Amino acid sequence: QVQLVESGGGLVQTGGSLRLSCAASGRTFSRSFSRYAMGWFRQAPGKEREFVASISRSGGSIDYADSVKGRFTISRENARNTVYLQMNSLMPEDTAVYYCAADYQYSDYPAAQSDVSWDYWGQGTQVTVSS
């Protein structure tokens, strides 16, 4: 069984901060979490799911959507099978359900921004930014 469980979402005012966490569990991740690139995607009401940020399996390659560069920071703790998304200077347009995803990597390289190539997904956590 493979599980990705997001937490840390909530309601925050414009300019505020939130830190999302995604904990990976199950036989697959317990032995090889460090072989997976991890990513965050989001989906706002009426819109398609979009890429937010990704981090390669070693953390050596990090990528952000232009809309969050300079405000969001992705990081990972392989010893805890966890990936984080620190979100600062939040704006109403950041309101969405945020999903964690995992993509198996044979070597360390930037993960794809397209969601079709990701192997596993969490259930999502709601982030609401009030104006």
C-alpha atoms as a PDB file:
ATOM      1  CA  GLN A   1       0.000   0.000   0.000  1.00  0.00           C
ATOM      2  CA  VAL A   2       1.216   3.458  -0.896  1.00  0.00           C
ATOM      3  CA  GLN A   3       0.051   6.569   0.828  1.00  0.00           C
ATOM      4  CA  LEU A   4       0.790  10.241   0.510  1.00  0.00           C
ATOM      5  CA  VAL A   5      -0.914  12.287   3.195  1.00  0.00           C
ATOM      6  CA  GLU A   6      -0.925  16.076   3.048  1.00  0.00           C
ATOM      7  CA  SER A   7      -1.437  18.323   6.050  1.00  0.00           C
ATOM      8  CA  GLY A   8      -1.053  21.945   7.029  1.00  0.00           C
ATOM      9  CA  GLY A   9      -3.707  23.542   4.884  1.00  0.00           C
ATOM     10  CA  GLY A  10      -6.170  26.072   6.222  1.00  0.00           C
ATOM     11  CA  LEU A  11      -7.528  29.592   6.048  1.00  0.00           C
ATOM     12  CA  VAL A  12      -5.077  32.493   6.076  1.00  0.00           C
ATOM     13  CA  GLN A  13      -5.231  36.190   5.269  1.00  0.00           C
ATOM     14  CA  THR A  14      -3.461  37.807   2.329  1.00  0.00           C
ATOM     15  CA  GLY A  15       0.217  38.118   3.114  1.00  0.00           C
ATOM     16  CA  GLY A  16       0.182  35.243   5.558  1.00  0.00           C
ATOM     17  CA  SER A  17       2.095  31.983   5.553  1.00  0.00           C
ATOM     18  CA  LEU A  18       1.376  28.286   5.692  1.00  0.00           C
ATOM     19  CA  ARG A  19       3.589  25.222   5.691  1.00  0.00           C
ATOM     20  CA  LEU A  20       2.278  22.127   3.996  1.00  0.00           C
ATOM     21  CA  SER A  21       3.646  18.698   4.779  1.00  0.00           C
ATOM     22  CA  CYS A  22       3.321  15.462   2.863  1.00  0.00           C
ATOM     23  CA  ALA A  23       4.144  12.207   4.598  1.00  0.00           C
ATOM     24  CA  ALA A  24       4.828   9.136   2.472  1.00  0.00           C
ATOM     25  CA  SER A  25       4.120   5.683   3.858  1.00  0.00           C
ATOM     26  CA  GLY A  26       3.756   2.124   2.698  1.00  0.00           C
ATOM     27  CA  ARG A  27       6.152  -0.568   1.600  1.00  0.00           C
ATOM     28  CA  THR A  28       7.185   1.258  -1.544  1.00  0.00           C
ATOM     29  CA  PHE A  29       8.171   4.444   0.202  1.00  0.00           C
ATOM     30  CA  SER A  30       9.557   2.900   3.373  1.00  0.00           C
ATOM     31  CA  ARG A  31      12.395   1.350   1.353  1.00  0.00           C
ATOM     32  CA  SER A  32      12.909   3.859  -1.397  1.00  0.00           C
ATOM     33  CA  PHE A  33      11.466   7.303  -0.670  1.00  0.00           C
ATOM     34  CA  SER A  34      14.819   8.781  -1.604  1.00  0.00           C
ATOM     35  CA  ARG A  35      14.391   7.421  -5.143  1.00  0.00           C
ATOM     36  CA  TYR A  36      11.307   9.513  -5.753  1.00  0.00           C
ATOM     37  CA  ALA A  37      11.100  13.078  -6.909  1.00  0.00           C
ATOM     38  CA  MET A  38       8.397  14.865  -4.946  1.00  0.00           C
ATOM     39  CA  GLY A  39       6.130  17.598  -6.141  1.00  0.00           C
ATOM     40  CA  TRP A  40       3.275  19.881  -5.251  1.00  0.00           C
ATOM     41  CA  PHE A  41       0.397  20.672  -7.565  1.00  0.00           C
ATOM     42  CA  ARG A  42      -2.769  22.677  -6.969  1.00  0.00           C
ATOM     43  CA  GLN A  43      -6.251  22.908  -8.384  1.00  0.00           C
ATOM     44  CA  ALA A  44      -8.497  25.902  -7.959  1.00  0.00           C
ATOM     45  CA  PRO A  45     -12.273  25.685  -8.477  1.00  0.00           C
ATOM     46  CA  GLY A  46     -13.129  25.535 -12.155  1.00  0.00           C
ATOM     47  CA  LYS A  47      -9.491  25.276 -13.215  1.00  0.00           C
ATOM     48  CA  GLU A  48      -7.176  22.473 -14.236  1.00  0.00           C
ATOM     49  CA  ARG A  49      -4.569  21.108 -11.883  1.00  0.00           C
ATOM     50  CA  GLU A  50      -1.305  23.005 -12.195  1.00  0.00           C
ATOM     51  CA  PHE A  51       2.304  22.487 -11.224  1.00  0.00           C
ATOM     52  CA  VAL A  52       3.580  24.382  -8.176  1.00  0.00           C
ATOM     53  CA  ALA A  53       6.989  23.003  -7.238  1.00  0.00           C
ATOM     54  CA  SER A  54       9.152  19.901  -7.419  1.00  0.00           C
ATOM     55  CA  ILE A  55      12.300  18.560  -5.827  1.00  0.00           C
ATOM     56  CA  SER A  56      14.469  15.768  -7.186  1.00  0.00           C
ATOM     57  CA  ARG A  57      15.213  12.687  -5.164  1.00  0.00           C
ATOM     58  CA  SER A  58      18.410  14.083  -3.647  1.00  0.00           C
ATOM     59  CA  GLY A  59      17.132  17.630  -3.444  1.00  0.00           C
ATOM     60  CA  GLY A  60      19.710  18.711  -5.997  1.00  0.00           C
ATOM     61  CA  SER A  61      17.185  19.926  -8.555  1.00  0.00           C
ATOM     62  CA  ILE A  62      14.333  22.201  -7.551  1.00  0.00           C
ATOM     63  CA  ASP A  63      11.764  23.795  -9.823  1.00  0.00           C
ATOM     64  CA  TYR A  64       8.965  26.282  -9.252  1.00  0.00           C
ATOM     65  CA  ALA A  65       6.079  27.650 -11.232  1.00  0.00           C
ATOM     66  CA  ASP A  66       6.668  31.272 -12.149  1.00  0.00           C
ATOM     67  CA  SER A  67       3.621  32.284 -10.110  1.00  0.00           C
ATOM     68  CA  VAL A  68       5.180  31.108  -6.831  1.00  0.00           C
ATOM     69  CA  LYS A  69       8.888  31.807  -7.340  1.00  0.00           C
ATOM     70  CA  GLY A  70      10.305  33.851  -4.496  1.00  0.00           C
ATOM     71  CA  ARG A  71       7.318  33.098  -2.261  1.00  0.00           C
ATOM     72  CA  PHE A  72       7.203  29.291  -1.938  1.00  0.00           C
ATOM     73  CA  THR A  73       9.991  26.936  -0.889  1.00  0.00           C
ATOM     74  CA  ILE A  74       9.961  23.176  -1.339  1.00  0.00           C
ATOM     75  CA  SER A  75      12.162  20.924   0.784  1.00  0.00           C
ATOM     76  CA  ARG A  76      12.378  17.286   1.810  1.00  0.00           C
ATOM     77  CA  GLU A  77      13.545  15.153   4.689  1.00  0.00           C
ATOM     78  CA  ASN A  78      14.326  11.713   3.319  1.00  0.00           C
ATOM     79  CA  ALA A  79      14.913  10.316   6.801  1.00  0.00           C
ATOM     80  CA  ARG A  80      11.301  11.150   7.633  1.00  0.00           C
ATOM     81  CA  ASN A  81       9.816  10.334   4.209  1.00  0.00           C
ATOM     82  CA  THR A  82       8.386  13.829   4.157  1.00  0.00           C
ATOM     83  CA  VAL A  83       8.280  16.752   1.757  1.00  0.00           C
ATOM     84  CA  TYR A  84       7.334  20.302   2.699  1.00  0.00           C
ATOM     85  CA  LEU A  85       6.026  23.396   0.982  1.00  0.00           C
ATOM     86  CA  GLN A  86       6.613  26.649   2.813  1.00  0.00           C
ATOM     87  CA  MET A  87       4.242  29.266   1.422  1.00  0.00           C
ATOM     88  CA  ASN A  88       4.836  32.919   2.236  1.00  0.00           C
ATOM     89  CA  SER A  89       3.206  36.136   1.049  1.00  0.00           C
ATOM     90  CA  LEU A  90       0.061  34.246   0.179  1.00  0.00           C
ATOM     91  CA  MET A  91      -2.433  35.821  -2.170  1.00  0.00           C
ATOM     92  CA  PRO A  92      -6.095  35.046  -2.901  1.00  0.00           C
ATOM     93  CA  GLU A  93      -5.079  33.493  -6.223  1.00  0.00           C
ATOM     94  CA  ASP A  94      -3.160  30.846  -4.272  1.00  0.00           C
ATOM     95  CA  THR A  95      -6.477  29.478  -3.030  1.00  0.00           C
ATOM     96  CA  ALA A  96      -6.730  25.869  -4.170  1.00  0.00           C
ATOM     97  CA  VAL A  97      -6.553  22.263  -3.135  1.00  0.00           C
ATOM     98  CA  TYR A  98      -2.874  21.375  -2.903  1.00  0.00           C
ATOM     99  CA  TYR A  99      -1.759  17.882  -3.874  1.00  0.00           C
ATOM    100  CA  CYS A 100       1.453  16.073  -3.131  1.00  0.00           C
ATOM    101  CA  ALA A 101       2.837  13.734  -5.787  1.00  0.00           C
ATOM    102  CA  ALA A 102       5.704  11.269  -6.182  1.00  0.00           C
ATOM    103  CA  ASP A 103       7.601  10.324  -9.333  1.00  0.00           C
ATOM    104  CA  TYR A 104      10.145   7.495  -9.389  1.00  0.00           C
ATOM    105  CA  GLN A 105      13.549   8.604 -10.674  1.00  0.00           C
ATOM    106  CA  TYR A 106      16.367   6.366 -11.927  1.00  0.00           C
ATOM    107  CA  SER A 107      18.783   9.206 -11.359  1.00  0.00           C
ATOM    108  CA  ASP A 108      18.740  12.723 -10.010  1.00  0.00           C
ATOM    109  CA  TYR A 109      17.215  15.178 -12.498  1.00  0.00           C
ATOM    110  CA  PRO A 110      14.502  17.846 -12.580  1.00  0.00           C
ATOM    111  CA  ALA A 111      11.028  16.361 -12.395  1.00  0.00           C
ATOM    112  CA  ALA A 112       8.438  17.040 -15.071  1.00  0.00           C
ATOM    113  CA  GLN A 113       5.937  19.841 -14.612  1.00  0.00           C
ATOM    114  CA  SER A 114       3.273  17.835 -16.405  1.00  0.00           C
ATOM    115  CA  ASP A 115       1.092  15.909 -13.983  1.00  0.00           C
ATOM    116  CA  VAL A 116       0.676  12.936 -16.312  1.00  0.00           C
ATOM    117  CA  SER A 117       4.104  11.511 -15.499  1.00  0.00           C
ATOM    118  CA  TRP A 118       3.732  11.382 -11.732  1.00  0.00           C
ATOM    119  CA  ASP A 119       3.216   7.972 -10.171  1.00  0.00           C
ATOM    120  CA  TYR A 120       1.405   8.581  -6.884  1.00  0.00           C
ATOM    121  CA  TRP A 121      -0.887  11.273  -5.519  1.00  0.00           C
ATOM    122  CA  GLY A 122      -2.222  12.365  -2.172  1.00  0.00           C
ATOM    123  CA  GLN A 123      -5.820  13.302  -1.423  1.00  0.00           C
ATOM    124  CA  GLY A 124      -5.106  17.005  -1.176  1.00  0.00           C
ATOM    125  CA  THR A 125      -5.350  19.718   1.443  1.00  0.00           C
ATOM    126  CA  GLN A 126      -7.376  22.921   1.099  1.00  0.00           C
ATOM    127  CA  VAL A 127      -5.628  26.274   1.212  1.00  0.00           C
ATOM    128  CA  THR A 128      -7.840  29.347   1.333  1.00  0.00           C
ATOM    129  CA  VAL A 129      -6.429  32.866   1.271  1.00  0.00           C
ATOM    130  CA  SER A 130      -8.841  35.615   2.189  1.00  0.00           C
ATOM    131  CA  SER A 131      -8.507  39.149   0.863  1.00  0.00           C
END
